[in-house]
N, C-alpha and C. Protein backbone atom coordinates (compact mmCIF):
# COMPACT_ATOMS: atom_id res chain seq x y z
N MET A 1 55.98 -51.83 -33.27
CA MET A 1 55.56 -52.45 -34.49
C MET A 1 54.10 -52.84 -34.35
N TYR A 2 53.44 -52.87 -35.45
CA TYR A 2 52.03 -53.21 -35.49
C TYR A 2 51.89 -54.64 -36.01
N ALA A 3 51.08 -55.37 -35.34
CA ALA A 3 50.85 -56.76 -35.76
C ALA A 3 49.54 -56.86 -36.52
N VAL A 4 49.53 -57.63 -37.54
CA VAL A 4 48.32 -57.86 -38.33
C VAL A 4 47.78 -59.24 -37.93
N ARG A 5 46.50 -59.31 -37.53
CA ARG A 5 45.93 -60.56 -37.06
C ARG A 5 45.47 -61.48 -38.19
N HIS A 6 44.79 -60.92 -39.16
CA HIS A 6 44.26 -61.71 -40.27
C HIS A 6 44.73 -61.11 -41.57
N ALA A 7 44.73 -61.89 -42.56
CA ALA A 7 45.11 -61.42 -43.88
C ALA A 7 44.09 -60.44 -44.42
N THR A 8 42.85 -60.51 -43.94
CA THR A 8 41.82 -59.59 -44.41
C THR A 8 41.95 -58.23 -43.76
N ASP A 9 42.69 -58.13 -42.67
CA ASP A 9 42.84 -56.86 -41.96
C ASP A 9 43.97 -55.99 -42.50
N ILE A 10 44.60 -56.43 -43.56
CA ILE A 10 45.75 -55.69 -44.08
C ILE A 10 45.34 -54.29 -44.52
N ALA A 11 44.17 -54.16 -45.10
CA ALA A 11 43.73 -52.86 -45.58
C ALA A 11 43.19 -52.00 -44.47
N ALA A 12 42.85 -52.55 -43.31
CA ALA A 12 42.29 -51.79 -42.21
C ALA A 12 43.39 -51.07 -41.44
N ALA A 13 43.05 -49.93 -40.92
CA ALA A 13 44.02 -49.15 -40.14
C ALA A 13 44.11 -49.69 -38.73
N ILE A 14 45.29 -49.70 -38.22
CA ILE A 14 45.51 -50.15 -36.85
C ILE A 14 45.71 -48.91 -36.00
N THR A 15 44.95 -48.81 -34.92
CA THR A 15 45.02 -47.65 -34.04
C THR A 15 45.55 -48.10 -32.69
N VAL A 16 46.43 -47.30 -32.13
CA VAL A 16 47.00 -47.61 -30.83
C VAL A 16 46.53 -46.55 -29.85
N ASP A 17 45.91 -46.99 -28.75
CA ASP A 17 45.51 -46.07 -27.70
C ASP A 17 46.74 -45.81 -26.83
N HIS A 18 47.20 -44.57 -26.83
CA HIS A 18 48.44 -44.24 -26.13
C HIS A 18 48.27 -44.19 -24.62
N ARG A 19 47.02 -44.08 -24.14
CA ARG A 19 46.79 -44.06 -22.70
C ARG A 19 46.84 -45.47 -22.12
N SER A 20 46.21 -46.39 -22.82
CA SER A 20 46.16 -47.75 -22.27
C SER A 20 47.19 -48.68 -22.92
N GLY A 21 47.67 -48.32 -24.09
CA GLY A 21 48.64 -49.17 -24.77
C GLY A 21 47.99 -50.26 -25.61
N ARG A 22 46.64 -50.30 -25.69
CA ARG A 22 45.96 -51.33 -26.48
C ARG A 22 45.85 -50.86 -27.91
N SER A 23 45.84 -51.81 -28.78
CA SER A 23 45.68 -51.51 -30.20
C SER A 23 44.38 -52.12 -30.69
N SER A 24 43.83 -51.50 -31.71
CA SER A 24 42.61 -52.03 -32.31
C SER A 24 42.64 -51.76 -33.81
N VAL A 25 41.85 -52.53 -34.52
CA VAL A 25 41.78 -52.38 -35.96
C VAL A 25 40.50 -51.61 -36.28
N GLY A 26 40.59 -50.63 -37.13
CA GLY A 26 39.41 -49.88 -37.52
C GLY A 26 39.48 -48.46 -36.99
N ALA A 27 38.37 -47.97 -36.45
CA ALA A 27 38.26 -46.59 -35.98
C ALA A 27 39.14 -46.37 -34.76
N PRO A 28 39.54 -45.14 -34.55
CA PRO A 28 40.38 -44.86 -33.39
C PRO A 28 39.65 -45.13 -32.08
N VAL A 29 40.39 -45.63 -31.11
CA VAL A 29 39.83 -45.94 -29.81
C VAL A 29 39.54 -44.64 -29.06
N SER A 30 40.42 -43.71 -29.16
CA SER A 30 40.28 -42.47 -28.42
C SER A 30 40.71 -41.32 -29.31
N GLY A 31 40.09 -40.16 -29.13
CA GLY A 31 40.47 -38.98 -29.90
C GLY A 31 41.63 -38.24 -29.28
N TYR A 32 42.05 -38.65 -28.09
CA TYR A 32 43.14 -37.97 -27.40
C TYR A 32 44.43 -38.74 -27.55
N ARG A 33 45.50 -37.99 -27.66
CA ARG A 33 46.81 -38.62 -27.75
C ARG A 33 47.70 -38.04 -26.67
N ARG A 34 48.42 -38.89 -26.03
CA ARG A 34 49.34 -38.43 -25.00
C ARG A 34 50.55 -37.80 -25.66
N VAL A 35 50.91 -36.65 -25.18
CA VAL A 35 52.06 -35.95 -25.72
C VAL A 35 53.14 -35.98 -24.65
N SER A 36 54.29 -36.47 -25.02
CA SER A 36 55.39 -36.51 -24.06
C SER A 36 55.99 -35.11 -23.95
N ARG A 37 56.32 -34.73 -22.74
CA ARG A 37 56.91 -33.41 -22.51
C ARG A 37 58.42 -33.52 -22.52
N ALA A 38 59.02 -32.52 -23.12
CA ALA A 38 60.48 -32.48 -23.17
C ALA A 38 61.01 -32.08 -21.79
N ALA A 39 62.21 -32.45 -21.53
CA ALA A 39 62.85 -32.07 -20.26
C ALA A 39 62.95 -30.55 -20.22
N PRO A 40 62.74 -29.93 -19.06
CA PRO A 40 62.80 -28.47 -18.99
C PRO A 40 64.19 -27.96 -19.33
N ARG A 41 64.22 -26.88 -20.11
CA ARG A 41 65.49 -26.29 -20.51
C ARG A 41 65.99 -25.36 -19.40
N PRO A 42 67.29 -25.26 -19.24
CA PRO A 42 67.83 -24.33 -18.24
C PRO A 42 67.49 -22.89 -18.61
N ASN A 43 67.28 -22.07 -17.62
CA ASN A 43 66.95 -20.67 -17.84
C ASN A 43 68.24 -19.86 -17.91
N TYR A 44 68.72 -19.64 -19.13
CA TYR A 44 69.99 -18.95 -19.32
C TYR A 44 69.89 -17.47 -18.97
N ALA A 45 68.73 -16.86 -19.18
CA ALA A 45 68.58 -15.43 -18.85
C ALA A 45 68.75 -15.22 -17.35
N ALA A 46 68.18 -16.09 -16.55
CA ALA A 46 68.33 -15.97 -15.09
C ALA A 46 69.77 -16.20 -14.68
N ARG A 47 70.44 -17.13 -15.33
CA ARG A 47 71.85 -17.37 -15.01
C ARG A 47 72.71 -16.15 -15.33
N ARG A 48 72.43 -15.53 -16.48
CA ARG A 48 73.21 -14.35 -16.86
C ARG A 48 72.95 -13.20 -15.90
N LEU A 49 71.69 -13.01 -15.52
CA LEU A 49 71.36 -11.96 -14.58
C LEU A 49 72.05 -12.18 -13.24
N ALA A 50 72.07 -13.41 -12.78
CA ALA A 50 72.75 -13.72 -11.52
C ALA A 50 74.25 -13.46 -11.64
N ALA A 51 74.85 -13.82 -12.78
CA ALA A 51 76.29 -13.59 -12.97
C ALA A 51 76.60 -12.09 -12.98
N VAL A 52 75.77 -11.30 -13.63
CA VAL A 52 75.98 -9.85 -13.66
C VAL A 52 75.84 -9.27 -12.26
N GLY A 53 74.87 -9.77 -11.49
CA GLY A 53 74.70 -9.31 -10.11
C GLY A 53 75.90 -9.62 -9.25
N VAL A 54 76.45 -10.82 -9.40
CA VAL A 54 77.63 -11.20 -8.63
C VAL A 54 78.83 -10.33 -9.01
N LEU A 55 79.00 -10.06 -10.30
CA LEU A 55 80.10 -9.21 -10.74
C LEU A 55 79.94 -7.78 -10.22
N PHE A 56 78.71 -7.27 -10.22
CA PHE A 56 78.45 -5.92 -9.74
C PHE A 56 78.78 -5.80 -8.25
N VAL A 57 78.34 -6.76 -7.47
CA VAL A 57 78.62 -6.74 -6.03
C VAL A 57 80.13 -6.86 -5.79
N GLY A 58 80.80 -7.71 -6.56
CA GLY A 58 82.25 -7.84 -6.42
C GLY A 58 82.97 -6.55 -6.75
N LEU A 59 82.50 -5.85 -7.79
CA LEU A 59 83.10 -4.57 -8.15
C LEU A 59 82.90 -3.54 -7.06
N LEU A 60 81.70 -3.49 -6.49
CA LEU A 60 81.45 -2.56 -5.39
C LEU A 60 82.35 -2.85 -4.19
N LEU A 61 82.51 -4.12 -3.86
CA LEU A 61 83.39 -4.49 -2.75
C LEU A 61 84.84 -4.11 -3.03
N ALA A 62 85.28 -4.28 -4.28
CA ALA A 62 86.65 -3.93 -4.63
C ALA A 62 86.87 -2.42 -4.52
N VAL A 63 85.90 -1.63 -4.98
CA VAL A 63 86.03 -0.17 -4.88
C VAL A 63 86.05 0.26 -3.42
N GLN A 64 85.20 -0.36 -2.61
CA GLN A 64 85.17 -0.01 -1.20
C GLN A 64 86.49 -0.39 -0.51
N ALA A 65 87.04 -1.54 -0.86
CA ALA A 65 88.32 -1.94 -0.27
C ALA A 65 89.44 -1.00 -0.70
N PHE A 66 89.41 -0.56 -1.95
CA PHE A 66 90.42 0.38 -2.43
C PHE A 66 90.30 1.71 -1.68
N GLY A 67 89.08 2.19 -1.47
CA GLY A 67 88.88 3.43 -0.73
C GLY A 67 89.34 3.32 0.70
N ALA A 68 89.07 2.17 1.33
CA ALA A 68 89.52 1.97 2.71
C ALA A 68 91.05 1.93 2.78
N ALA A 69 91.67 1.29 1.81
CA ALA A 69 93.14 1.24 1.80
C ALA A 69 93.72 2.64 1.59
N ALA A 70 93.10 3.43 0.73
CA ALA A 70 93.59 4.79 0.51
C ALA A 70 93.42 5.64 1.76
N ALA A 71 92.34 5.42 2.51
CA ALA A 71 92.13 6.18 3.74
C ALA A 71 93.13 5.78 4.82
N VAL A 72 93.47 4.48 4.86
CA VAL A 72 94.41 4.01 5.88
C VAL A 72 95.82 4.52 5.59
N PHE A 73 96.25 4.40 4.34
CA PHE A 73 97.61 4.78 4.00
C PHE A 73 97.75 6.27 3.74
N GLY A 74 96.64 6.93 3.44
CA GLY A 74 96.64 8.37 3.24
C GLY A 74 97.45 8.79 2.02
N SER A 75 97.35 10.04 1.71
CA SER A 75 98.12 10.57 0.60
C SER A 75 98.48 12.01 0.92
N ARG A 76 99.47 12.47 0.24
CA ARG A 76 99.98 13.81 0.45
C ARG A 76 100.11 14.47 -0.90
N PRO A 77 99.81 15.75 -1.03
CA PRO A 77 99.96 16.40 -2.34
C PRO A 77 101.40 16.33 -2.83
N VAL A 78 101.55 16.21 -4.13
CA VAL A 78 102.88 16.16 -4.73
C VAL A 78 103.43 17.58 -4.78
N LEU A 79 104.66 17.73 -4.37
CA LEU A 79 105.29 19.04 -4.33
C LEU A 79 105.82 19.41 -5.71
N ALA A 80 105.65 20.69 -6.06
CA ALA A 80 106.12 21.16 -7.37
C ALA A 80 107.63 21.22 -7.41
N ALA A 81 108.28 21.54 -6.29
CA ALA A 81 109.73 21.67 -6.26
C ALA A 81 110.42 20.31 -6.32
N GLY A 82 109.73 19.27 -5.87
CA GLY A 82 110.31 17.94 -5.94
C GLY A 82 111.12 17.57 -4.72
N ASP A 83 111.49 18.51 -3.90
CA ASP A 83 112.23 18.21 -2.68
C ASP A 83 111.82 19.19 -1.60
N ASP A 84 112.34 19.01 -0.43
CA ASP A 84 111.97 19.87 0.69
C ASP A 84 112.89 21.08 0.84
N ALA A 85 113.88 21.22 -0.03
CA ALA A 85 114.82 22.33 0.08
C ALA A 85 114.13 23.64 -0.31
N GLY A 86 114.38 24.69 0.45
CA GLY A 86 113.88 26.02 0.10
C GLY A 86 112.41 26.22 0.42
N ARG A 87 111.82 25.38 1.26
CA ARG A 87 110.41 25.54 1.59
C ARG A 87 110.24 26.68 2.57
N VAL A 88 109.09 27.28 2.54
CA VAL A 88 108.80 28.43 3.40
C VAL A 88 108.41 27.91 4.78
N ALA A 89 108.99 28.50 5.81
CA ALA A 89 108.64 28.12 7.18
C ALA A 89 107.33 28.79 7.54
N VAL A 90 106.42 28.02 8.11
CA VAL A 90 105.11 28.54 8.47
C VAL A 90 105.16 28.99 9.92
N VAL A 91 104.75 30.24 10.15
CA VAL A 91 104.72 30.81 11.48
C VAL A 91 103.29 30.65 12.01
N ALA A 92 103.10 30.67 13.32
CA ALA A 92 101.79 30.43 13.92
C ALA A 92 100.75 31.45 13.47
N THR A 93 101.15 32.69 13.27
CA THR A 93 100.20 33.68 12.79
C THR A 93 100.25 33.70 11.27
N LEU A 94 99.09 33.56 10.64
CA LEU A 94 99.03 33.49 9.19
C LEU A 94 98.22 34.65 8.64
N ASP A 95 98.62 35.10 7.49
CA ASP A 95 97.84 36.10 6.77
C ASP A 95 96.86 35.37 5.87
N THR A 96 95.83 36.09 5.44
CA THR A 96 94.85 35.49 4.53
C THR A 96 94.65 36.40 3.33
N HIS A 97 94.21 35.79 2.26
CA HIS A 97 93.84 36.51 1.03
C HIS A 97 92.46 36.02 0.65
N VAL A 98 91.52 36.93 0.44
CA VAL A 98 90.18 36.55 0.00
C VAL A 98 90.20 36.42 -1.52
N ALA A 99 89.90 35.23 -1.99
CA ALA A 99 90.00 34.94 -3.42
C ALA A 99 88.94 35.70 -4.20
N ARG A 100 89.37 36.26 -5.33
CA ARG A 100 88.47 36.97 -6.24
C ARG A 100 88.31 36.16 -7.50
N ASN A 101 87.45 36.62 -8.36
CA ASN A 101 87.22 35.95 -9.63
C ASN A 101 88.52 35.94 -10.45
N GLY A 102 88.94 34.78 -10.92
CA GLY A 102 90.14 34.65 -11.72
C GLY A 102 91.39 34.34 -10.93
N ASP A 103 91.31 34.30 -9.61
CA ASP A 103 92.48 33.98 -8.79
C ASP A 103 92.82 32.50 -8.88
N SER A 104 94.09 32.21 -8.84
CA SER A 104 94.60 30.85 -8.78
C SER A 104 95.77 30.86 -7.80
N LEU A 105 96.28 29.68 -7.47
CA LEU A 105 97.43 29.64 -6.56
C LEU A 105 98.64 30.33 -7.18
N TRP A 106 98.75 30.26 -8.51
CA TRP A 106 99.88 30.92 -9.17
C TRP A 106 99.78 32.43 -9.04
N SER A 107 98.60 32.97 -9.29
CA SER A 107 98.46 34.43 -9.21
C SER A 107 98.62 34.91 -7.77
N ILE A 108 98.11 34.15 -6.81
CA ILE A 108 98.27 34.51 -5.40
C ILE A 108 99.74 34.42 -5.00
N ALA A 109 100.43 33.38 -5.47
CA ALA A 109 101.85 33.22 -5.15
C ALA A 109 102.66 34.37 -5.75
N ASP A 110 102.34 34.80 -6.97
CA ASP A 110 103.06 35.92 -7.58
C ASP A 110 102.85 37.22 -6.81
N ALA A 111 101.66 37.38 -6.22
CA ALA A 111 101.36 38.62 -5.50
C ALA A 111 102.03 38.67 -4.12
N TYR A 112 102.21 37.52 -3.47
CA TYR A 112 102.65 37.52 -2.07
C TYR A 112 104.01 36.86 -1.81
N ARG A 113 104.66 36.26 -2.77
CA ARG A 113 105.82 35.42 -2.47
C ARG A 113 107.09 36.21 -2.17
N GLY A 114 107.24 37.39 -2.66
CA GLY A 114 108.46 38.17 -2.40
C GLY A 114 109.66 37.52 -3.08
N ASP A 115 110.72 37.22 -2.29
CA ASP A 115 111.95 36.66 -2.83
C ASP A 115 111.93 35.12 -2.85
N VAL A 116 110.90 34.52 -2.36
CA VAL A 116 110.81 33.05 -2.29
C VAL A 116 110.45 32.51 -3.68
N SER A 117 110.99 31.35 -4.01
CA SER A 117 110.68 30.77 -5.33
C SER A 117 109.19 30.43 -5.42
N ARG A 118 108.67 30.56 -6.63
CA ARG A 118 107.24 30.33 -6.85
C ARG A 118 106.84 28.91 -6.48
N SER A 119 107.62 27.90 -6.89
CA SER A 119 107.25 26.50 -6.66
C SER A 119 107.20 26.17 -5.17
N SER A 120 108.15 26.65 -4.38
CA SER A 120 108.12 26.35 -2.95
C SER A 120 106.99 27.10 -2.26
N PHE A 121 106.67 28.32 -2.70
CA PHE A 121 105.56 29.07 -2.12
C PHE A 121 104.23 28.37 -2.45
N ILE A 122 104.08 27.89 -3.68
CA ILE A 122 102.86 27.18 -4.08
C ILE A 122 102.73 25.88 -3.29
N ASP A 123 103.85 25.18 -3.08
CA ASP A 123 103.81 23.94 -2.28
C ASP A 123 103.28 24.24 -0.88
N THR A 124 103.72 25.32 -0.28
CA THR A 124 103.26 25.69 1.06
C THR A 124 101.78 26.09 1.03
N LEU A 125 101.35 26.80 -0.01
CA LEU A 125 99.94 27.15 -0.15
C LEU A 125 99.06 25.90 -0.25
N VAL A 126 99.52 24.92 -1.00
CA VAL A 126 98.77 23.67 -1.15
C VAL A 126 98.63 22.97 0.19
N GLU A 127 99.71 22.91 0.96
CA GLU A 127 99.67 22.26 2.27
C GLU A 127 98.78 23.01 3.26
N LEU A 128 98.84 24.33 3.26
CA LEU A 128 98.05 25.12 4.20
C LEU A 128 96.55 25.06 3.90
N ASN A 129 96.20 25.05 2.62
CA ASN A 129 94.80 25.15 2.22
C ASN A 129 94.18 23.81 1.83
N GLY A 130 94.92 22.72 1.93
CA GLY A 130 94.35 21.39 1.70
C GLY A 130 94.07 21.05 0.25
N GLY A 131 94.76 21.63 -0.68
CA GLY A 131 94.57 21.28 -2.08
C GLY A 131 94.81 22.47 -2.99
N THR A 132 94.54 22.26 -4.26
CA THR A 132 94.82 23.29 -5.26
C THR A 132 93.60 24.10 -5.66
N ALA A 133 92.41 23.72 -5.20
CA ALA A 133 91.19 24.41 -5.61
C ALA A 133 91.07 25.74 -4.88
N VAL A 134 90.71 26.77 -5.64
CA VAL A 134 90.49 28.10 -5.09
C VAL A 134 89.12 28.56 -5.58
N GLN A 135 88.24 28.92 -4.65
CA GLN A 135 86.91 29.38 -5.02
C GLN A 135 86.76 30.85 -4.65
N VAL A 136 85.89 31.54 -5.39
CA VAL A 136 85.67 32.97 -5.13
C VAL A 136 85.12 33.13 -3.71
N GLY A 137 85.72 34.05 -2.95
CA GLY A 137 85.29 34.31 -1.58
C GLY A 137 86.01 33.46 -0.54
N GLN A 138 86.83 32.52 -0.98
CA GLN A 138 87.57 31.66 -0.06
C GLN A 138 88.69 32.44 0.61
N ALA A 139 88.89 32.20 1.90
CA ALA A 139 90.01 32.82 2.61
C ALA A 139 91.21 31.90 2.43
N VAL A 140 92.13 32.31 1.58
CA VAL A 140 93.34 31.51 1.29
C VAL A 140 94.38 31.87 2.32
N LEU A 141 94.86 30.85 3.05
CA LEU A 141 95.90 31.07 4.07
C LEU A 141 97.24 31.30 3.39
N LEU A 142 97.95 32.32 3.85
CA LEU A 142 99.26 32.67 3.27
C LEU A 142 100.33 32.47 4.33
N PRO A 143 101.45 31.88 3.96
CA PRO A 143 102.57 31.73 4.91
C PRO A 143 103.36 33.03 5.01
N ARG A 144 103.97 33.19 6.15
CA ARG A 144 104.90 34.31 6.30
C ARG A 144 106.31 33.76 6.12
N SER A 145 107.06 34.41 5.35
CA SER A 145 108.42 33.92 5.13
C SER A 145 109.42 34.74 5.89
């Protein structure tokens, strides 16, 4: 609040010096005014970036743990026949077929299986060759029945 000293000073302006806290009547004491600074605001962009970084690292660790668990427990190709009955016995000496353009395990099985069922022959081909992929020029191992 501003105090008025005399009744004649009512029309005069009262100026408060914000640096010293003194007040005066008439012209301003100082041309400078102290400006109070607001409390610093939290940096939400940095917080979000840190949260995304933590989530990314957590996701990488989870994928790595899943891969390690899969390597420990291993996996085996699923058999087309569904059971082990009627599977082809593998002999120590194996024949090979050089894959040509358009070859698949089905076409190779049809060419070499004889009296053995297609599904059991394909299951044996998958086990011998480590998967279902066949590339041109690949030596596909064939079981002898």
